[in-house]
C-alpha atoms as a PDB file:
ATOM      1  CA  UNK A   1      -0.151  -0.076   0.029  1.00  0.00           C
ATOM      2  CA  UNK A   2       2.889   2.690   0.576  1.00  0.00           C
ATOM      3  CA  UNK A   3       4.595   1.637  -2.440  1.00  0.00           C
ATOM      4  CA  UNK A   4       1.120   2.743  -4.727  1.00  0.00           C
ATOM      5  CA  UNK A   5       0.766   5.768  -3.028  1.00  0.00           C
ATOM      6  CA  UNK A   6       4.363   6.460  -3.378  1.00  0.00           C
ATOM      7  CA  UNK A   7       4.278   5.842  -7.119  1.00  0.00           C
ATOM      8  CA  UNK A   8       1.261   7.548  -7.106  1.00  0.00           C
ATOM      9  CA  UNK A   9       2.776  10.548  -5.216  1.00  0.00           C
ATOM     10  CA  UNK A  10       5.794   9.850  -7.973  1.00  0.00           C
ATOM     11  CA  UNK A  11       3.763  10.326 -11.023  1.00  0.00           C
ATOM     12  CA  UNK A  12       1.735  12.952 -10.316  1.00  0.00           C
ATOM     13  CA  UNK A  13       3.484  15.305  -8.219  1.00  0.00           C
ATOM     14  CA  UNK A  14       6.261  15.119 -10.320  1.00  0.00           C
ATOM     15  CA  UNK A  15       6.315  13.263 -13.514  1.00  0.00           C
ATOM     16  CA  UNK A  16       3.773  15.395 -14.756  1.00  0.00           C
ATOM     17  CA  UNK A  17       4.782  18.199 -14.344  1.00  0.00           C
ATOM     18  CA  UNK A  18       7.758  17.773 -15.379  1.00  0.00           C
ATOM     19  CA  UNK A  19       6.673  16.495 -18.618  1.00  0.00           C
ATOM     20  CA  UNK A  20       4.618  19.687 -18.904  1.00  0.00           C
ATOM     21  CA  UNK A  21       7.038  22.004 -18.452  1.00  0.00           C
ATOM     22  CA  UNK A  22       9.082  20.683 -20.741  1.00  0.00           C
ATOM     23  CA  UNK A  23       6.919  20.409 -23.415  1.00  0.00           C
ATOM     24  CA  UNK A  24       5.941  24.444 -22.699  1.00  0.00           C
ATOM     25  CA  UNK A  25       9.663  24.878 -22.447  1.00  0.00           C
ATOM     26  CA  UNK A  26      10.088  23.267 -26.388  1.00  0.00           C
ATOM     27  CA  UNK A  27       7.173  25.314 -27.749  1.00  0.00           C
ATOM     28  CA  UNK A  28       8.899  28.460 -26.813  1.00  0.00           C
ATOM     29  CA  UNK A  29      12.111  27.923 -27.937  1.00  0.00           C
ATOM     30  CA  UNK A  30      10.662  26.497 -30.910  1.00  0.00           C
ATOM     31  CA  UNK A  31       8.676  29.583 -31.562  1.00  0.00           C
ATOM     32  CA  UNK A  32      11.445  31.668 -30.830  1.00  0.00           C
ATOM     33  CA  UNK A  33      13.722  30.309 -33.124  1.00  0.00           C
ATOM     34  CA  UNK A  34      11.111  30.902 -35.362  1.00  0.00           C
ATOM     35  CA  UNK A  35      10.788  34.695 -35.075  1.00  0.00           C
ATOM     36  CA  UNK A  36      14.892  35.055 -35.380  1.00  0.00           C
ATOM     37  CA  UNK A  37      15.395  32.718 -38.289  1.00  0.00           C
ATOM     38  CA  UNK A  38      12.378  35.040 -39.690  1.00  0.00           C
ATOM     39  CA  UNK A  39      13.824  38.473 -38.667  1.00  0.00           C
ATOM     40  CA  UNK A  40      17.522  37.276 -39.969  1.00  0.00           C
ATOM     41  CA  UNK A  41      15.899  36.220 -43.447  1.00  0.00           C
ATOM     42  CA  UNK A  42      14.398  39.578 -43.563  1.00  0.00           C
ATOM     43  CA  UNK A  43      17.783  41.168 -42.852  1.00  0.00           C
ATOM     44  CA  UNK A  44      19.383  39.712 -45.353  1.00  0.00           C
ATOM     45  CA  UNK A  45      16.848  40.510 -47.742  1.00  0.00           C
ATOM     46  CA  UNK A  46      17.011  44.276 -46.813  1.00  0.00           C
ATOM     47  CA  UNK A  47      20.488  43.947 -47.258  1.00  0.00           C
ATOM     48  CA  UNK A  48      20.544  42.089 -50.651  1.00  0.00           C
ATOM     49  CA  UNK A  49      17.676  45.095 -51.857  1.00  0.00           C
ATOM     50  CA  UNK A  50      14.982  42.894 -51.627  1.00  0.00           C
ATOM     51  CA  UNK A  51      12.563  44.167 -49.554  1.00  0.00           C
ATOM     52  CA  UNK A  52       9.184  43.219 -49.612  1.00  0.00           C
ATOM     53  CA  UNK A  53       7.562  45.774 -47.226  1.00  0.00           C
ATOM     54  CA  UNK A  54       8.618  49.704 -47.124  1.00  0.00           C
ATOM     55  CA  UNK A  55      10.457  50.854 -43.805  1.00  0.00           C
ATOM     56  CA  UNK A  56       7.948  52.197 -41.379  1.00  0.00           C
ATOM     57  CA  UNK A  57       9.556  55.790 -40.569  1.00  0.00           C
ATOM     58  CA  UNK A  58       8.604  56.839 -36.942  1.00  0.00           C
ATOM     59  CA  UNK A  59       8.040  60.494 -36.723  1.00  0.00           C
ATOM     60  CA  UNK A  60      10.453  62.043 -33.788  1.00  0.00           C
ATOM     61  CA  UNK A  61       8.591  62.528 -30.444  1.00  0.00           C
ATOM     62  CA  UNK A  62      10.053  65.232 -28.164  1.00  0.00           C
ATOM     63  CA  UNK A  63      10.140  64.825 -24.983  1.00  0.00           C
ATOM     64  CA  UNK A  64       7.654  65.990 -22.647  1.00  0.00           C
ATOM     65  CA  UNK A  65       8.065  68.613 -20.392  1.00  0.00           C
ATOM     66  CA  UNK A  66       7.140  66.701 -17.073  1.00  0.00           C
ATOM     67  CA  UNK A  67      10.741  64.546 -18.520  1.00  0.00           C
ATOM     68  CA  UNK A  68      12.625  67.198 -16.879  1.00  0.00           C
ATOM     69  CA  UNK A  69      13.921  67.705 -13.526  1.00  0.00           C
ATOM     70  CA  UNK A  70      15.462  71.396 -12.606  1.00  0.00           C
ATOM     71  CA  UNK A  71      18.301  71.484 -10.805  1.00  0.00           C
ATOM     72  CA  UNK A  72      20.731  74.376  -9.386  1.00  0.00           C
ATOM     73  CA  UNK A  73      24.284  74.484  -9.901  1.00  0.00           C
ATOM     74  CA  UNK A  74      26.367  73.913  -6.741  1.00  0.00           C
ATOM     75  CA  UNK A  75      29.460  76.071  -6.584  1.00  0.00           C
END
């Protein structure tokens, strides 16, 4: 009876959570590698002059008045 309980605890408290977390990590790594590969291919295409989309230019944002901190000169 003790070994059945121990086996139950081992399977449901250790093996299954480790399996699930490993599965999630592998999926995230695969997604990240695919994203990095896509960025690399886009960068290579842009360097070779074969861009599919024009680059998006963002207007420069001026810092707000609240972003500055007044200071006094110390002599």
